[in-house]
Amino acid sequence: MEKLVVELCLGSSCFARGNAQTLGALESFISEGGYSDQVELVGHLCLGSCAKGPNIRIGEVTYHGLDTQSVLDLVMQALVGQEESR
């Protein structure tokens, strides 16, 4: 199965607006949930929409202004979607 790529903006604006917490939560979710073989977490210095941050890309879709729980929910939905398409 192809890994779900989750790209997180780690630029100063997005990091200060919540991606610092989201990064920690995603790392815990992946390791504690046993998803390291299913999810690839990638950090970027900028995803190009600083004013709309924090920014995150899950698969091919870029999201703006999400809180940590919303990101975790979207990642879980994407993982369920991958399982259903198998």
Protein backbone atom coordinates (compact mmCIF):
# COMPACT_ATOMS: atom_id res chain seq x y z
CA MET A 1 0.00 0.00 0.00
CA GLU A 2 1.22 3.48 -0.84
CA LYS A 3 1.94 5.67 2.17
CA LEU A 4 -0.29 8.62 2.96
CA VAL A 5 1.92 11.72 2.75
CA VAL A 6 1.17 14.38 5.35
CA GLU A 7 3.09 17.61 4.72
CA LEU A 8 3.27 20.11 7.54
CA CYS A 9 4.42 23.71 7.24
CA LEU A 10 7.10 24.37 9.85
CA GLY A 11 7.72 28.00 8.91
CA SER A 12 7.69 30.46 11.81
CA SER A 13 4.17 31.76 11.14
CA CYS A 14 2.50 28.34 10.86
CA PHE A 15 4.61 26.89 13.66
CA ALA A 16 3.53 29.69 16.02
CA ARG A 17 -0.12 29.40 14.94
CA GLY A 18 -0.44 25.78 15.98
CA ASN A 19 1.67 23.48 13.84
CA ALA A 20 4.12 23.04 16.71
CA GLN A 21 1.39 21.24 18.66
CA THR A 22 0.11 19.49 15.54
CA LEU A 23 3.58 18.14 14.77
CA GLY A 24 3.88 16.58 18.22
CA ALA A 25 0.37 15.15 18.05
CA LEU A 26 0.97 13.65 14.60
CA GLU A 27 4.27 12.09 15.67
CA SER A 28 2.54 10.51 18.68
CA PHE A 29 -0.45 9.39 16.61
CA ILE A 30 1.79 7.72 14.03
CA SER A 31 4.13 5.99 16.50
CA GLU A 32 1.60 5.00 19.17
CA GLY A 33 -1.01 3.92 16.63
CA GLY A 34 1.45 1.80 14.67
CA TYR A 35 0.94 3.82 11.49
CA SER A 36 4.61 4.36 10.59
CA ASP A 37 4.27 1.96 7.67
CA GLN A 38 1.17 3.81 6.41
CA VAL A 39 1.94 7.51 6.99
CA GLU A 40 4.92 9.60 5.90
CA LEU A 41 5.24 12.89 7.79
CA VAL A 42 7.14 15.58 5.85
CA GLY A 43 8.10 19.03 7.13
CA HIS A 44 8.41 22.10 4.90
CA LEU A 45 9.66 25.59 5.62
CA CYS A 46 6.73 27.05 3.68
CA LEU A 47 3.65 25.81 1.82
CA GLY A 48 3.06 29.24 0.30
CA SER A 49 -0.01 30.51 2.18
CA CYS A 50 1.43 32.09 5.31
CA ALA A 51 -1.52 34.43 5.91
CA LYS A 52 -3.92 31.46 5.97
CA GLY A 53 -1.89 29.27 8.33
CA PRO A 54 -1.30 26.98 9.92
CA ASN A 55 -1.06 25.03 6.67
CA ILE A 56 -0.97 21.30 6.10
CA ARG A 57 -1.26 19.07 3.04
CA ILE A 58 -2.78 15.61 3.34
CA GLY A 59 -2.34 13.66 0.14
CA GLU A 60 -3.16 16.10 -2.65
CA VAL A 61 -5.30 18.52 -0.59
CA THR A 62 -3.94 21.58 1.21
CA TYR A 63 -5.78 22.78 4.32
CA HIS A 64 -5.52 26.13 6.08
CA GLY A 65 -6.23 27.24 9.63
CA LEU A 66 -6.96 23.83 11.14
CA ASP A 67 -6.52 22.97 14.78
CA THR A 68 -4.67 19.86 15.88
CA GLN A 69 -7.75 17.69 16.41
CA SER A 70 -9.11 18.54 12.96
CA VAL A 71 -5.82 17.49 11.38
CA LEU A 72 -5.83 14.18 13.28
CA ASP A 73 -9.43 13.56 12.20
CA LEU A 74 -8.56 14.22 8.54
CA VAL A 75 -5.54 11.92 8.67
CA MET A 76 -7.67 9.15 10.19
CA GLN A 77 -10.34 9.66 7.51
CA ALA A 78 -7.68 9.46 4.80
CA LEU A 79 -6.31 6.23 6.27
CA VAL A 80 -9.80 4.71 6.39
CA GLY A 81 -10.32 5.80 2.77
CA GLN A 82 -7.10 4.07 1.75
CA GLU A 83 -8.19 0.87 3.48
CA GLU A 84 -11.60 0.94 1.78
CA SER A 85 -10.05 1.40 -1.67
CA ARG A 86 -7.87 -1.70 -1.30
